[in-house]
């Protein structure tokens, strides 16, 4: 079966246009520092400080483009640092999100539900999903192809017409799996 590239994703912030204006000022254009593997997505040069229940702060990069609702995706250790014990959820799922505050050079924004810990996910097009016989929302197991192959369970499938075939893994998983360079994975039956 075709190997799937693995992208290691650091913790980050997604901003709505309204919240970007509050944090960086009206008319401010974010600086694209680099493109991500998914079409139209990019990392900004700008960072935002994030605080939680314990008022400690993390500095995280913003990703683009704008999202409908601002939110922050962190590791379990970072969530604990901010004062929360969070269960992993699908990227962008804010149903269980905790409150947090964002600080920028021109202002701050309070999010009543904005902080989540994400689980690994497999992104693919409808054609890739058909080829692998998987469906949107399904949870699958993958084998990370390293010198010591390891199985990762509960990877959420996300299907979208613009998605490039990738498995996105938070950096905290990369540490646990001893991934230090580009790797691939394979879908298990």
N, C-alpha and C. Protein backbone atom coordinates (compact mmCIF):
# COMPACT_ATOMS: atom_id res chain seq x y z
N UNK A 1 0.84 -1.18 0.00
CA UNK A 1 0.00 0.00 0.00
C UNK A 1 0.89 1.25 0.00
N UNK A 2 0.43 2.28 -0.62
CA UNK A 2 1.17 3.53 -0.80
C UNK A 2 1.55 4.17 0.55
N UNK A 3 2.85 4.49 0.77
CA UNK A 3 3.24 5.17 2.01
C UNK A 3 2.68 6.59 2.06
N UNK A 4 2.38 7.04 3.26
CA UNK A 4 1.77 8.36 3.48
C UNK A 4 2.79 9.24 4.21
N UNK A 5 3.11 10.43 3.66
CA UNK A 5 4.03 11.33 4.36
C UNK A 5 3.46 11.77 5.71
N UNK A 6 4.34 11.93 6.69
CA UNK A 6 3.96 12.38 8.02
C UNK A 6 4.48 13.80 8.22
N UNK A 7 3.59 14.72 8.59
CA UNK A 7 3.97 16.10 8.91
C UNK A 7 3.92 16.26 10.43
N UNK A 8 4.97 16.81 11.01
CA UNK A 8 5.02 17.10 12.43
C UNK A 8 4.55 18.54 12.64
N UNK A 9 3.52 18.71 13.45
CA UNK A 9 2.87 20.01 13.58
C UNK A 9 3.10 20.59 14.98
N UNK A 10 3.83 21.71 15.07
CA UNK A 10 3.99 22.38 16.37
C UNK A 10 2.65 23.00 16.82
N UNK A 11 2.56 23.30 18.10
CA UNK A 11 1.37 23.99 18.61
C UNK A 11 1.25 25.33 17.90
N UNK A 12 0.00 25.81 17.74
CA UNK A 12 -0.22 27.01 16.92
C UNK A 12 -1.56 27.65 17.23
N UNK A 13 -1.78 28.82 16.62
CA UNK A 13 -3.00 29.60 16.79
C UNK A 13 -3.63 29.85 15.43
N UNK A 14 -4.95 29.67 15.34
CA UNK A 14 -5.72 30.08 14.17
C UNK A 14 -6.51 31.32 14.57
N UNK A 15 -6.51 32.34 13.73
CA UNK A 15 -7.20 33.59 14.05
C UNK A 15 -8.34 33.85 13.08
N UNK A 16 -9.43 34.38 13.61
CA UNK A 16 -10.48 34.93 12.74
C UNK A 16 -10.00 36.30 12.29
N UNK A 17 -10.59 36.82 11.24
CA UNK A 17 -10.19 38.15 10.75
C UNK A 17 -10.45 39.21 11.81
N UNK A 18 -11.59 39.10 12.49
CA UNK A 18 -11.95 40.07 13.53
C UNK A 18 -10.92 40.06 14.66
N UNK A 19 -10.51 38.86 15.11
CA UNK A 19 -9.55 38.77 16.20
C UNK A 19 -8.16 39.21 15.76
N UNK A 20 -7.80 38.96 14.51
CA UNK A 20 -6.50 39.44 14.01
C UNK A 20 -6.45 40.97 14.08
N UNK A 21 -7.54 41.63 13.71
CA UNK A 21 -7.60 43.09 13.77
C UNK A 21 -7.46 43.55 15.22
N UNK A 22 -8.13 42.88 16.15
CA UNK A 22 -8.03 43.26 17.57
C UNK A 22 -6.61 43.09 18.10
N UNK A 23 -5.91 42.05 17.64
CA UNK A 23 -4.57 41.75 18.15
C UNK A 23 -3.46 42.55 17.46
N UNK A 24 -3.62 42.78 16.14
CA UNK A 24 -2.53 43.40 15.37
C UNK A 24 -2.88 44.77 14.79
N UNK A 25 -4.13 45.19 14.89
CA UNK A 25 -4.52 46.49 14.38
C UNK A 25 -5.17 46.41 13.01
N UNK A 26 -6.00 47.39 12.74
CA UNK A 26 -6.72 47.46 11.47
C UNK A 26 -5.74 47.67 10.32
N UNK A 27 -5.94 46.90 9.24
CA UNK A 27 -5.10 47.04 8.06
C UNK A 27 -3.78 46.28 8.12
N UNK A 28 -3.50 45.63 9.24
CA UNK A 28 -2.24 44.90 9.36
C UNK A 28 -2.31 43.63 8.52
N UNK A 29 -1.30 43.41 7.68
CA UNK A 29 -1.23 42.20 6.86
C UNK A 29 -0.20 41.25 7.47
N UNK A 30 -0.64 40.04 7.78
CA UNK A 30 0.25 39.04 8.34
C UNK A 30 1.32 38.69 7.30
N UNK A 31 2.52 38.37 7.77
CA UNK A 31 3.64 38.02 6.91
C UNK A 31 3.70 36.51 6.74
N UNK A 32 3.61 36.04 5.51
CA UNK A 32 3.71 34.60 5.24
C UNK A 32 5.18 34.20 5.35
N UNK A 33 5.47 33.34 6.34
CA UNK A 33 6.85 32.88 6.55
C UNK A 33 7.14 31.61 5.78
N UNK A 34 6.10 30.87 5.43
CA UNK A 34 6.28 29.63 4.67
C UNK A 34 4.96 28.95 4.43
N UNK A 35 4.91 28.15 3.39
CA UNK A 35 3.70 27.41 3.06
C UNK A 35 3.69 26.06 3.77
N UNK A 36 2.50 25.62 4.14
CA UNK A 36 2.34 24.29 4.72
C UNK A 36 2.04 23.30 3.60
N UNK A 37 2.00 22.03 3.92
CA UNK A 37 1.81 21.01 2.87
C UNK A 37 0.40 21.05 2.27
N UNK A 38 -0.57 21.58 3.00
CA UNK A 38 -1.93 21.66 2.49
C UNK A 38 -2.11 22.94 1.67
N UNK A 39 -2.70 22.81 0.51
CA UNK A 39 -2.88 23.92 -0.42
C UNK A 39 -3.54 25.12 0.25
N UNK A 40 -2.92 26.30 0.11
CA UNK A 40 -3.49 27.53 0.63
C UNK A 40 -3.24 27.79 2.11
N UNK A 41 -2.61 26.86 2.81
CA UNK A 41 -2.34 27.05 4.23
C UNK A 41 -0.89 27.45 4.43
N UNK A 42 -0.65 28.30 5.43
CA UNK A 42 0.70 28.83 5.63
C UNK A 42 0.95 29.16 7.09
N UNK A 43 2.22 29.30 7.42
CA UNK A 43 2.63 29.74 8.75
C UNK A 43 3.02 31.22 8.65
N UNK A 44 2.59 31.99 9.62
CA UNK A 44 2.89 33.42 9.65
C UNK A 44 4.17 33.68 10.44
N UNK A 45 4.82 34.77 10.15
CA UNK A 45 5.99 35.18 10.93
C UNK A 45 5.56 35.67 12.31
N UNK A 46 4.31 36.12 12.43
CA UNK A 46 3.81 36.69 13.67
C UNK A 46 3.42 35.60 14.68
N UNK A 47 3.63 35.93 15.94
CA UNK A 47 3.24 35.06 17.06
C UNK A 47 2.22 35.78 17.93
N UNK A 48 1.52 34.97 18.71
CA UNK A 48 0.53 35.47 19.66
C UNK A 48 0.85 34.83 21.00
N UNK A 49 0.72 35.58 22.08
CA UNK A 49 0.87 34.99 23.41
C UNK A 49 -0.49 34.47 23.85
N UNK A 50 -0.48 33.30 24.50
CA UNK A 50 -1.69 32.63 24.94
C UNK A 50 -1.61 32.40 26.43
N UNK A 51 -2.67 32.74 27.17
CA UNK A 51 -2.72 32.41 28.60
C UNK A 51 -3.99 31.62 28.87
N UNK A 52 -3.95 30.85 29.94
CA UNK A 52 -5.10 30.04 30.34
C UNK A 52 -5.51 30.35 31.75
N UNK A 53 -5.99 29.33 32.45
CA UNK A 53 -6.49 29.50 33.81
C UNK A 53 -5.40 29.95 34.79
N UNK A 54 -4.16 29.49 34.59
CA UNK A 54 -3.07 29.81 35.52
C UNK A 54 -2.36 31.11 35.18
N UNK A 55 -2.77 31.81 34.15
CA UNK A 55 -2.22 33.11 33.74
C UNK A 55 -0.77 33.02 33.26
N UNK A 56 -0.26 31.81 33.08
CA UNK A 56 1.05 31.65 32.45
C UNK A 56 0.86 31.88 30.96
N UNK A 57 1.95 32.20 30.26
CA UNK A 57 1.82 32.49 28.83
C UNK A 57 2.73 31.61 27.98
N UNK A 58 2.19 31.23 26.82
CA UNK A 58 2.95 30.56 25.76
C UNK A 58 2.97 31.49 24.56
N UNK A 59 4.06 31.47 23.81
CA UNK A 59 4.13 32.25 22.57
C UNK A 59 4.04 31.27 21.42
N UNK A 60 2.99 31.39 20.59
CA UNK A 60 2.75 30.46 19.49
C UNK A 60 2.56 31.19 18.18
N UNK A 61 3.01 30.57 17.11
CA UNK A 61 2.86 31.13 15.76
C UNK A 61 1.41 31.05 15.31
N UNK A 62 1.02 32.03 14.52
CA UNK A 62 -0.29 32.02 13.88
C UNK A 62 -0.18 31.30 12.54
N UNK A 63 -1.23 30.54 12.20
CA UNK A 63 -1.32 29.89 10.90
C UNK A 63 -2.44 30.55 10.12
N UNK A 64 -2.34 30.51 8.82
CA UNK A 64 -3.36 31.11 7.97
C UNK A 64 -3.87 30.11 6.96
N UNK A 65 -4.94 30.45 6.27
CA UNK A 65 -5.66 31.71 6.30
C UNK A 65 -6.57 31.84 7.53
N UNK A 66 -7.41 32.89 7.54
CA UNK A 66 -8.31 33.11 8.67
C UNK A 66 -9.27 31.93 8.84
N UNK A 67 -9.65 31.70 10.08
CA UNK A 67 -10.68 30.72 10.40
C UNK A 67 -11.93 31.48 10.83
N UNK A 68 -13.06 30.79 10.80
CA UNK A 68 -14.31 31.42 11.24
C UNK A 68 -14.23 31.79 12.71
N UNK A 69 -13.63 30.90 13.52
CA UNK A 69 -13.51 31.13 14.96
C UNK A 69 -12.06 30.90 15.39
N UNK A 70 -11.49 31.85 16.10
CA UNK A 70 -10.12 31.71 16.58
C UNK A 70 -10.03 30.55 17.57
N UNK A 71 -8.90 29.84 17.51
CA UNK A 71 -8.64 28.81 18.50
C UNK A 71 -7.16 28.47 18.53
N UNK A 72 -6.78 27.75 19.59
CA UNK A 72 -5.39 27.42 19.86
C UNK A 72 -5.28 25.90 19.99
N UNK A 73 -4.29 25.31 19.29
CA UNK A 73 -4.07 23.87 19.36
C UNK A 73 -2.72 23.64 20.02
N UNK A 74 -2.73 22.99 21.20
CA UNK A 74 -1.52 22.79 22.00
C UNK A 74 -1.35 21.31 22.36
N UNK A 75 -0.20 20.99 22.94
CA UNK A 75 0.08 19.64 23.42
C UNK A 75 -0.53 19.47 24.81
N UNK A 76 -0.65 18.22 25.29
CA UNK A 76 -1.15 18.01 26.66
C UNK A 76 -0.28 18.69 27.71
N UNK A 77 1.04 18.68 27.53
CA UNK A 77 1.95 19.33 28.49
C UNK A 77 1.72 20.84 28.51
N UNK A 78 1.55 21.45 27.33
CA UNK A 78 1.29 22.88 27.26
C UNK A 78 -0.07 23.23 27.87
N UNK A 79 -1.08 22.38 27.64
CA UNK A 79 -2.39 22.60 28.25
C UNK A 79 -2.27 22.58 29.77
N UNK A 80 -1.52 21.62 30.32
CA UNK A 80 -1.31 21.54 31.77
C UNK A 80 -0.58 22.79 32.27
N UNK A 81 0.41 23.26 31.52
CA UNK A 81 1.14 24.48 31.87
C UNK A 81 0.17 25.67 31.99
N UNK A 82 -0.84 25.69 31.12
CA UNK A 82 -1.83 26.77 31.13
C UNK A 82 -2.96 26.54 32.14
N UNK A 83 -2.97 25.34 32.77
CA UNK A 83 -3.94 25.08 33.83
C UNK A 83 -5.07 24.13 33.48
N UNK A 84 -4.93 23.36 32.41
CA UNK A 84 -6.02 22.48 31.98
C UNK A 84 -5.55 21.04 31.76
N UNK A 85 -6.43 20.10 32.08
CA UNK A 85 -6.24 18.69 31.77
C UNK A 85 -7.26 18.38 30.68
N UNK A 86 -6.80 18.31 29.43
CA UNK A 86 -7.73 18.20 28.30
C UNK A 86 -7.63 16.85 27.61
N UNK A 87 -8.76 16.34 27.18
CA UNK A 87 -8.81 15.16 26.32
C UNK A 87 -8.48 15.59 24.90
N UNK A 88 -7.90 14.68 24.13
CA UNK A 88 -7.61 14.98 22.72
C UNK A 88 -8.90 15.01 21.92
N UNK A 89 -8.94 15.94 20.96
CA UNK A 89 -10.10 16.06 20.07
C UNK A 89 -9.60 16.23 18.64
N UNK A 90 -10.52 16.13 17.70
CA UNK A 90 -10.21 16.39 16.30
C UNK A 90 -9.83 17.86 16.13
N UNK A 91 -8.84 18.12 15.31
CA UNK A 91 -8.41 19.49 15.04
C UNK A 91 -9.61 20.35 14.65
N UNK A 92 -9.76 21.50 15.30
CA UNK A 92 -10.85 22.41 14.99
C UNK A 92 -12.13 22.14 15.76
N UNK A 93 -12.23 21.02 16.49
CA UNK A 93 -13.43 20.68 17.25
C UNK A 93 -13.40 21.44 18.58
N UNK A 94 -14.23 22.46 18.70
CA UNK A 94 -14.21 23.33 19.88
C UNK A 94 -15.30 23.01 20.89
N UNK A 95 -15.99 21.88 20.73
CA UNK A 95 -17.08 21.52 21.65
C UNK A 95 -16.59 21.40 23.09
N UNK A 96 -15.38 20.91 23.30
CA UNK A 96 -14.82 20.73 24.64
C UNK A 96 -13.71 21.74 24.94
N UNK A 97 -13.58 22.78 24.12
CA UNK A 97 -12.49 23.75 24.27
C UNK A 97 -12.60 24.53 25.57
N UNK A 98 -11.45 24.89 26.11
CA UNK A 98 -11.38 25.67 27.34
C UNK A 98 -11.14 27.14 27.02
N UNK A 99 -11.47 28.02 27.96
CA UNK A 99 -11.23 29.45 27.73
C UNK A 99 -9.74 29.78 27.74
N UNK A 100 -9.40 30.80 26.99
CA UNK A 100 -8.03 31.31 26.99
C UNK A 100 -8.05 32.76 26.53
N UNK A 101 -6.92 33.40 26.70
CA UNK A 101 -6.79 34.79 26.29
C UNK A 101 -5.61 34.89 25.33
N UNK A 102 -5.78 35.67 24.27
CA UNK A 102 -4.73 35.90 23.28
C UNK A 102 -4.23 37.34 23.41
N UNK A 103 -2.91 37.50 23.32
CA UNK A 103 -2.29 38.82 23.44
C UNK A 103 -1.48 39.11 22.19
N UNK A 104 -1.74 40.26 21.58
CA UNK A 104 -0.97 40.70 20.41
C UNK A 104 -0.37 42.06 20.68
N UNK A 105 0.36 42.60 19.73
CA UNK A 105 1.00 43.90 19.94
C UNK A 105 0.02 45.07 20.08
N UNK A 106 -1.21 44.91 19.58
CA UNK A 106 -2.17 46.02 19.61
C UNK A 106 -3.38 45.78 20.51
N UNK A 107 -3.48 44.59 21.12
CA UNK A 107 -4.64 44.33 21.96
C UNK A 107 -4.70 42.89 22.40
N UNK A 108 -5.83 42.54 23.00
CA UNK A 108 -6.03 41.17 23.49
C UNK A 108 -7.45 40.72 23.18
N UNK A 109 -7.61 39.40 23.14
CA UNK A 109 -8.90 38.80 22.82
C UNK A 109 -9.14 37.67 23.81
N UNK A 110 -10.33 37.62 24.38
CA UNK A 110 -10.70 36.53 25.28
C UNK A 110 -11.57 35.54 24.52
N UNK A 111 -11.18 34.27 24.52
CA UNK A 111 -11.94 33.22 23.86
C UNK A 111 -12.62 32.37 24.92
N UNK A 112 -13.95 32.30 24.89
CA UNK A 112 -14.67 31.50 25.89
C UNK A 112 -14.47 30.01 25.66
N UNK A 113 -14.22 29.61 24.42
CA UNK A 113 -13.94 28.21 24.07
C UNK A 113 -12.92 28.23 22.96
N UNK A 114 -11.63 28.17 23.32
CA UNK A 114 -10.62 28.33 22.28
C UNK A 114 -9.40 27.46 22.38
N UNK A 115 -9.22 26.72 23.49
CA UNK A 115 -8.00 25.95 23.69
C UNK A 115 -8.29 24.45 23.62
N UNK A 116 -7.59 23.75 22.71
CA UNK A 116 -7.79 22.31 22.56
C UNK A 116 -6.46 21.59 22.42
N UNK A 117 -6.50 20.29 22.69
CA UNK A 117 -5.38 19.38 22.42
C UNK A 117 -5.85 18.49 21.28
N UNK A 118 -5.08 18.45 20.21
CA UNK A 118 -5.53 17.70 19.03
C UNK A 118 -4.91 16.32 18.95
N UNK A 119 -5.69 15.42 18.37
CA UNK A 119 -5.18 14.07 18.10
C UNK A 119 -4.62 14.02 16.69
N UNK A 120 -3.78 13.05 16.39
CA UNK A 120 -3.28 12.91 15.02
C UNK A 120 -4.42 12.71 14.03
N UNK A 121 -4.23 13.20 12.81
CA UNK A 121 -5.26 13.02 11.80
C UNK A 121 -4.65 12.75 10.44
N UNK A 122 -5.39 12.03 9.64
CA UNK A 122 -5.01 11.70 8.27
C UNK A 122 -5.85 12.57 7.35
N UNK A 123 -5.19 13.42 6.58
CA UNK A 123 -5.87 14.30 5.63
C UNK A 123 -5.79 13.68 4.25
N UNK A 124 -6.90 13.69 3.53
CA UNK A 124 -6.88 13.13 2.18
C UNK A 124 -8.03 13.67 1.35
N UNK A 125 -7.89 13.53 0.03
CA UNK A 125 -8.95 13.90 -0.91
C UNK A 125 -9.96 12.75 -0.96
N UNK A 126 -11.08 13.00 -1.61
CA UNK A 126 -12.09 11.95 -1.78
C UNK A 126 -11.52 10.78 -2.59
N UNK A 127 -10.67 11.08 -3.57
CA UNK A 127 -10.05 10.01 -4.37
C UNK A 127 -9.13 9.15 -3.51
N UNK A 128 -8.32 9.78 -2.66
CA UNK A 128 -7.46 9.02 -1.75
C UNK A 128 -8.30 8.18 -0.78
N UNK A 129 -9.37 8.77 -0.26
CA UNK A 129 -10.24 8.05 0.68
C UNK A 129 -10.82 6.81 0.01
N UNK A 130 -11.23 6.96 -1.23
CA UNK A 130 -11.78 5.81 -1.97
C UNK A 130 -10.70 4.75 -2.18
N UNK A 131 -9.49 5.18 -2.54
CA UNK A 131 -8.39 4.25 -2.78
C UNK A 131 -8.05 3.45 -1.51
N UNK A 132 -8.10 4.12 -0.34
CA UNK A 132 -7.77 3.46 0.93
C UNK A 132 -8.99 2.83 1.61
N UNK A 133 -10.18 3.02 1.02
CA UNK A 133 -11.45 2.52 1.60
C UNK A 133 -11.67 3.07 3.01
N UNK A 134 -11.53 4.39 3.14
CA UNK A 134 -11.76 5.06 4.41
C UNK A 134 -12.77 6.18 4.20
N UNK A 135 -13.36 6.66 5.31
CA UNK A 135 -14.38 7.71 5.21
C UNK A 135 -14.08 8.83 6.21
N UNK A 136 -14.62 9.99 5.92
CA UNK A 136 -14.44 11.15 6.79
C UNK A 136 -14.95 10.85 8.19
N UNK A 137 -14.14 11.17 9.21
CA UNK A 137 -14.54 10.95 10.59
C UNK A 137 -14.15 9.59 11.15
N UNK A 138 -13.81 8.67 10.29
CA UNK A 138 -13.42 7.33 10.73
C UNK A 138 -12.10 7.42 11.50
N UNK A 139 -11.91 6.52 12.46
CA UNK A 139 -10.63 6.42 13.16
C UNK A 139 -9.90 5.19 12.65
N UNK A 140 -8.62 5.38 12.32
CA UNK A 140 -7.83 4.30 11.74
C UNK A 140 -6.54 4.13 12.53
N UNK A 141 -5.85 3.03 12.26
CA UNK A 141 -4.53 2.77 12.83
C UNK A 141 -3.50 2.88 11.72
N UNK A 142 -2.36 3.48 12.05
CA UNK A 142 -1.28 3.60 11.09
C UNK A 142 0.01 3.11 11.73
N UNK A 143 0.90 2.63 10.89
CA UNK A 143 2.22 2.23 11.35
C UNK A 143 3.21 3.30 10.91
N UNK A 144 3.91 3.87 11.87
CA UNK A 144 4.93 4.87 11.57
C UNK A 144 6.18 4.11 11.15
N UNK A 145 6.67 4.38 9.96
CA UNK A 145 7.77 3.63 9.37
C UNK A 145 9.12 4.26 9.73
N UNK A 146 9.62 3.90 10.89
CA UNK A 146 10.92 4.35 11.36
C UNK A 146 11.78 3.11 11.60
N UNK A 147 12.98 3.29 12.14
CA UNK A 147 13.83 2.14 12.44
C UNK A 147 13.15 1.19 13.41
N UNK A 148 12.34 1.75 14.30
CA UNK A 148 11.55 0.95 15.23
C UNK A 148 10.08 1.25 14.94
N UNK A 149 9.49 0.61 13.92
CA UNK A 149 8.10 0.92 13.55
C UNK A 149 7.16 0.80 14.75
N UNK A 150 6.24 1.77 14.84
CA UNK A 150 5.28 1.79 15.94
C UNK A 150 3.89 2.05 15.38
N UNK A 151 2.90 1.48 16.02
CA UNK A 151 1.52 1.65 15.59
C UNK A 151 0.89 2.80 16.37
N UNK A 152 0.21 3.65 15.63
CA UNK A 152 -0.51 4.77 16.21
C UNK A 152 -2.00 4.52 15.99
N UNK A 153 -2.76 4.40 17.07
CA UNK A 153 -4.20 4.09 17.01
C UNK A 153 -5.01 5.39 17.07
N UNK A 154 -6.24 5.33 16.63
CA UNK A 154 -7.17 6.45 16.79
C UNK A 154 -6.86 7.67 15.96
N UNK A 155 -6.27 7.49 14.78
CA UNK A 155 -5.98 8.61 13.88
C UNK A 155 -7.27 8.96 13.14
N UNK A 156 -7.71 10.19 13.25
CA UNK A 156 -8.97 10.62 12.64
C UNK A 156 -8.79 10.96 11.17
N UNK A 157 -9.66 10.40 10.33
CA UNK A 157 -9.64 10.67 8.89
C UNK A 157 -10.42 11.95 8.62
N UNK A 158 -9.82 12.85 7.84
CA UNK A 158 -10.49 14.08 7.41
C UNK A 158 -10.38 14.17 5.90
N UNK A 159 -11.53 14.17 5.25
CA UNK A 159 -11.58 14.18 3.79
C UNK A 159 -12.06 15.55 3.31
N UNK A 160 -11.32 16.12 2.35
CA UNK A 160 -11.68 17.41 1.78
C UNK A 160 -11.12 17.46 0.36
N UNK A 161 -11.82 18.09 -0.58
CA UNK A 161 -11.35 18.10 -1.97
C UNK A 161 -9.95 18.70 -2.16
N UNK A 162 -9.54 19.64 -1.31
CA UNK A 162 -8.23 20.28 -1.50
C UNK A 162 -7.10 19.61 -0.72
N UNK A 163 -7.42 18.63 0.12
CA UNK A 163 -6.37 18.05 0.97
C UNK A 163 -5.38 17.20 0.17
N UNK A 164 -4.12 17.39 0.51
CA UNK A 164 -3.04 16.53 0.02
C UNK A 164 -2.91 15.38 1.02
N UNK A 165 -2.58 14.20 0.56
CA UNK A 165 -2.46 13.03 1.43
C UNK A 165 -1.32 13.22 2.42
N UNK A 166 -1.68 13.31 3.70
CA UNK A 166 -0.70 13.52 4.78
C UNK A 166 -1.29 13.01 6.08
N UNK A 167 -0.40 12.59 6.98
CA UNK A 167 -0.78 12.36 8.36
C UNK A 167 -0.13 13.48 9.16
N UNK A 168 -0.95 14.23 9.91
CA UNK A 168 -0.43 15.31 10.73
C UNK A 168 -0.38 14.84 12.18
N UNK A 169 0.82 14.94 12.76
CA UNK A 169 1.05 14.47 14.12
C UNK A 169 1.58 15.64 14.95
N UNK A 170 0.94 15.92 16.10
CA UNK A 170 1.48 16.96 16.99
C UNK A 170 2.90 16.60 17.43
N UNK A 171 3.71 17.62 17.67
CA UNK A 171 5.11 17.40 18.07
C UNK A 171 5.24 16.54 19.31
N UNK A 172 4.28 16.60 20.22
CA UNK A 172 4.37 15.77 21.43
C UNK A 172 4.37 14.29 21.07
N UNK A 173 3.65 13.90 20.03
CA UNK A 173 3.67 12.51 19.55
C UNK A 173 5.02 12.19 18.93
N UNK A 174 5.57 13.14 18.20
CA UNK A 174 6.87 12.91 17.56
C UNK A 174 7.92 12.58 18.61
N UNK A 175 7.88 13.29 19.73
CA UNK A 175 8.83 12.99 20.81
C UNK A 175 8.61 11.57 21.33
N UNK A 176 7.36 11.21 21.58
CA UNK A 176 7.05 9.88 22.11
C UNK A 176 7.42 8.77 21.13
N UNK A 177 7.28 9.05 19.84
CA UNK A 177 7.58 8.05 18.81
C UNK A 177 9.02 8.12 18.31
N UNK A 178 9.81 9.02 18.85
CA UNK A 178 11.21 9.22 18.46
C UNK A 178 11.34 9.53 16.98
N UNK A 179 10.49 10.44 16.51
CA UNK A 179 10.57 10.89 15.12
C UNK A 179 11.37 12.19 15.10
N UNK A 180 12.50 12.16 14.43
CA UNK A 180 13.36 13.34 14.41
C UNK A 180 13.62 13.84 12.99
N UNK A 181 13.05 13.17 11.99
CA UNK A 181 13.26 13.58 10.60
C UNK A 181 12.02 13.19 9.80
N UNK A 182 12.04 13.45 8.52
CA UNK A 182 10.90 13.10 7.67
C UNK A 182 10.68 11.59 7.68
N UNK A 183 9.44 11.21 7.88
CA UNK A 183 9.08 9.79 7.88
C UNK A 183 7.79 9.59 7.09
N UNK A 184 7.48 8.36 6.87
CA UNK A 184 6.22 7.99 6.24
C UNK A 184 5.49 6.99 7.15
N UNK A 185 4.25 6.74 6.81
CA UNK A 185 3.44 5.78 7.56
C UNK A 185 2.64 4.96 6.56
N UNK A 186 2.10 3.87 7.04
CA UNK A 186 1.19 3.10 6.21
C UNK A 186 -0.07 2.80 7.00
N UNK A 187 -1.17 2.80 6.28
CA UNK A 187 -2.47 2.52 6.87
C UNK A 187 -2.57 1.03 7.14
N UNK A 188 -3.01 0.66 8.34
CA UNK A 188 -3.19 -0.75 8.68
C UNK A 188 -4.61 -1.18 8.37
N UNK A 189 -4.75 -2.42 7.99
CA UNK A 189 -6.09 -2.95 7.65
C UNK A 189 -6.93 -3.14 8.90
